[in-house]
Structures are given as C-alpha cells and as structure tokens.
Amino acid sequence: MGTGAGSLLLFLFLGLAGSAAPAHFGFRVLAFRHQLDKQIAFAPGTEDGGWGYSWWLMRWKHRAANDTNLNFFAGITAGSGWLSLVGAVGVVALIALQ
C-alpha cells in the first residue's frame, strides 16, 4: 500500500468506523435500558433490542414517547450508526480501489 491520498483516506475512514461503531452500540444499549427502566412501550419487533431496535432509533420513531433522555440517547445512536455505515462503506470502497 502506498502513502498517497488513498492511504490517508483509508486511515480516516477506519478511524471514523472505529470510533462511531462502539458509540452506536453503547448508546443503543443505554437507550434500550432507559426504555426498560421507564417502562416506555416498545414498537412491535423491537422488544429484544436487536437490529430492529437500532433501525427504529435511527428512524426517530422513539419521539412518540416524548422522553428527553431517550431523545438524547437515540440521537447519539442514530448519528453514530450513520457514521459507522459511511466509514464501513468508505473502507470497502477504498480497499477495492487500491
């Protein structure tokens, strides 16, 4: 691998995916735990806290609960999830182009 612009971009995308992915999963767990503790109703198919729950948070469907803390956790989750996706796609694209 050279030291050109592609290598710098690859390094940046790896850093982006590497920092956003743990934040996404961590805040998703916090949002799920908060929802359980406050007994906020789950949408159908999200009760297990899996991928459906992440997708539900990233589409801002939690706003119906009108809970400020859940809004915070879900906002960080959504932003980190999309950054993780951008980073992962960027890494794959740059590896393919190298």
C-alpha atoms as a PDB file:
ATOM      1  CA  MET A   1       0.000   0.000   0.000  1.00  0.00           C
ATOM      2  CA  GLY A   2       1.360   3.404  -0.917  1.00  0.00           C
ATOM      3  CA  THR A   3       1.369   6.555   1.125  1.00  0.00           C
ATOM      4  CA  GLY A   4      -0.797   8.602  -1.207  1.00  0.00           C
ATOM      5  CA  ALA A   5      -4.188  10.211  -0.768  1.00  0.00           C
ATOM      6  CA  GLY A   6      -5.931   6.826  -0.850  1.00  0.00           C
ATOM      7  CA  SER A   7      -3.959   5.640   2.172  1.00  0.00           C
ATOM      8  CA  LEU A   8      -4.809   8.794   4.090  1.00  0.00           C
ATOM      9  CA  LEU A   9      -8.500   8.401   3.253  1.00  0.00           C
ATOM     10  CA  LEU A  10      -8.375   4.725   4.227  1.00  0.00           C
ATOM     11  CA  PHE A  11      -6.845   5.703   7.580  1.00  0.00           C
ATOM     12  CA  LEU A  12      -9.536   8.361   8.110  1.00  0.00           C
ATOM     13  CA  PHE A  13     -12.409   6.019   7.211  1.00  0.00           C
ATOM     14  CA  LEU A  14     -11.026   3.318   9.521  1.00  0.00           C
ATOM     15  CA  GLY A  15     -10.887   5.860  12.323  1.00  0.00           C
ATOM     16  CA  LEU A  16     -14.420   7.021  11.555  1.00  0.00           C
ATOM     17  CA  ALA A  17     -15.841   3.499  11.586  1.00  0.00           C
ATOM     18  CA  GLY A  18     -13.704   2.511  14.567  1.00  0.00           C
ATOM     19  CA  SER A  19     -14.943   5.305  16.794  1.00  0.00           C
ATOM     20  CA  ALA A  20     -18.572   5.546  15.685  1.00  0.00           C
ATOM     21  CA  ALA A  21     -19.402   1.837  15.876  1.00  0.00           C
ATOM     22  CA  PRO A  22     -18.695   1.456  19.630  1.00  0.00           C
ATOM     23  CA  ALA A  23     -20.597   4.678  20.318  1.00  0.00           C
ATOM     24  CA  HIS A  24     -23.569   3.384  18.346  1.00  0.00           C
ATOM     25  CA  PHE A  25     -23.736   0.102  20.216  1.00  0.00           C
ATOM     26  CA  GLY A  26     -23.071   1.708  23.604  1.00  0.00           C
ATOM     27  CA  PHE A  27     -25.782   4.327  23.269  1.00  0.00           C
ATOM     28  CA  ARG A  28     -28.179   1.770  21.817  1.00  0.00           C
ATOM     29  CA  VAL A  29     -27.747  -0.275  24.991  1.00  0.00           C
ATOM     30  CA  LEU A  30     -28.295   2.855  27.111  1.00  0.00           C
ATOM     31  CA  ALA A  31     -31.443   3.762  25.153  1.00  0.00           C
ATOM     32  CA  PHE A  32     -32.784   0.207  25.467  1.00  0.00           C
ATOM     33  CA  ARG A  33     -32.031   0.095  29.202  1.00  0.00           C
ATOM     34  CA  HIS A  34     -33.617   3.514  29.733  1.00  0.00           C
ATOM     35  CA  GLN A  35     -36.718   2.421  27.852  1.00  0.00           C
ATOM     36  CA  LEU A  36     -36.973  -0.697  30.023  1.00  0.00           C
ATOM     37  CA  ASP A  37     -36.439   1.245  33.258  1.00  0.00           C
ATOM     38  CA  LYS A  38     -39.000   3.933  32.405  1.00  0.00           C
ATOM     39  CA  GLN A  39     -41.423   1.297  31.077  1.00  0.00           C
ATOM     40  CA  ILE A  40     -41.802   3.106  27.745  1.00  0.00           C
ATOM     41  CA  ALA A  41     -43.685   0.915  25.284  1.00  0.00           C
ATOM     42  CA  PHE A  42     -41.610  -0.819  22.617  1.00  0.00           C
ATOM     43  CA  ALA A  43     -42.605  -0.855  18.973  1.00  0.00           C
ATOM     44  CA  PRO A  44     -43.531  -4.313  17.661  1.00  0.00           C
ATOM     45  CA  GLY A  45     -40.394  -6.273  16.807  1.00  0.00           C
ATOM     46  CA  THR A  46     -38.021  -4.110  18.883  1.00  0.00           C
ATOM     47  CA  GLU A  47     -38.543  -5.697  22.300  1.00  0.00           C
ATOM     48  CA  ASP A  48     -35.364  -7.786  22.030  1.00  0.00           C
ATOM     49  CA  GLY A  49     -33.062  -4.764  21.491  1.00  0.00           C
ATOM     50  CA  GLY A  50     -31.596  -6.226  18.290  1.00  0.00           C
ATOM     51  CA  TRP A  51     -31.098  -4.760  14.825  1.00  0.00           C
ATOM     52  CA  GLY A  52     -34.769  -3.820  14.588  1.00  0.00           C
ATOM     53  CA  TYR A  53     -34.345  -1.654  17.660  1.00  0.00           C
ATOM     54  CA  SER A  54     -31.350   0.133  16.087  1.00  0.00           C
ATOM     55  CA  TRP A  55     -33.302   0.758  12.907  1.00  0.00           C
ATOM     56  CA  TRP A  56     -36.241   2.063  14.952  1.00  0.00           C
ATOM     57  CA  LEU A  57     -33.950   4.507  16.797  1.00  0.00           C
ATOM     58  CA  MET A  58     -32.196   5.637  13.625  1.00  0.00           C
ATOM     59  CA  ARG A  59     -35.551   6.494  12.030  1.00  0.00           C
ATOM     60  CA  TRP A  60     -36.504   8.703  15.045  1.00  0.00           C
ATOM     61  CA  LYS A  61     -39.602   6.618  15.857  1.00  0.00           C
ATOM     62  CA  HIS A  62     -38.837   6.994  19.579  1.00  0.00           C
ATOM     63  CA  ARG A  63     -40.088  10.603  19.581  1.00  0.00           C
ATOM     64  CA  ALA A  64     -43.649   9.441  20.236  1.00  0.00           C
ATOM     65  CA  ALA A  65     -42.513   8.589  23.795  1.00  0.00           C
ATOM     66  CA  ASN A  66     -41.766  12.292  24.432  1.00  0.00           C
ATOM     67  CA  ASP A  67     -38.818  11.472  26.728  1.00  0.00           C
ATOM     68  CA  THR A  68     -35.879  13.894  26.736  1.00  0.00           C
ATOM     69  CA  ASN A  69     -33.295  11.315  27.833  1.00  0.00           C
ATOM     70  CA  LEU A  70     -34.425   8.788  25.245  1.00  0.00           C
ATOM     71  CA  ASN A  71     -34.206  11.537  22.616  1.00  0.00           C
ATOM     72  CA  PHE A  72     -30.589  12.194  23.641  1.00  0.00           C
ATOM     73  CA  PHE A  73     -29.567   8.532  23.596  1.00  0.00           C
ATOM     74  CA  ALA A  74     -31.366   7.913  20.322  1.00  0.00           C
ATOM     75  CA  GLY A  75     -29.837  10.985  18.671  1.00  0.00           C
ATOM     76  CA  ILE A  76     -26.304   9.871  19.511  1.00  0.00           C
ATOM     77  CA  THR A  77     -27.189   6.315  18.432  1.00  0.00           C
ATOM     78  CA  ALA A  78     -28.581   7.469  15.098  1.00  0.00           C
ATOM     79  CA  GLY A  79     -25.669   9.762  14.315  1.00  0.00           C
ATOM     80  CA  SER A  80     -23.096   7.151  15.269  1.00  0.00           C
ATOM     81  CA  GLY A  81     -24.895   4.450  13.303  1.00  0.00           C
ATOM     82  CA  TRP A  82     -24.885   6.503  10.117  1.00  0.00           C
ATOM     83  CA  LEU A  83     -21.227   7.473  10.648  1.00  0.00           C
ATOM     84  CA  SER A  84     -20.361   3.794  11.099  1.00  0.00           C
ATOM     85  CA  LEU A  85     -22.115   2.994   7.842  1.00  0.00           C
ATOM     86  CA  VAL A  86     -20.280   5.781   5.984  1.00  0.00           C
ATOM     87  CA  GLY A  87     -16.963   4.654   7.452  1.00  0.00           C
ATOM     88  CA  ALA A  88     -17.522   0.994   6.579  1.00  0.00           C
ATOM     89  CA  VAL A  89     -18.620   1.781   3.014  1.00  0.00           C
ATOM     90  CA  GLY A  90     -15.656   4.119   2.612  1.00  0.00           C
ATOM     91  CA  VAL A  91     -13.201   1.487   3.828  1.00  0.00           C
ATOM     92  CA  VAL A  92     -14.619  -1.152   1.490  1.00  0.00           C
ATOM     93  CA  ALA A  93     -14.599   1.259  -1.468  1.00  0.00           C
ATOM     94  CA  LEU A  94     -11.015   2.380  -0.860  1.00  0.00           C
ATOM     95  CA  ILE A  95      -9.737  -1.158  -0.369  1.00  0.00           C
ATOM     96  CA  ALA A  96     -11.418  -2.120  -3.641  1.00  0.00           C
ATOM     97  CA  LEU A  97      -9.808   0.867  -5.401  1.00  0.00           C
ATOM     98  CA  GLN A  98      -6.278   0.326  -4.006  1.00  0.00           C
END
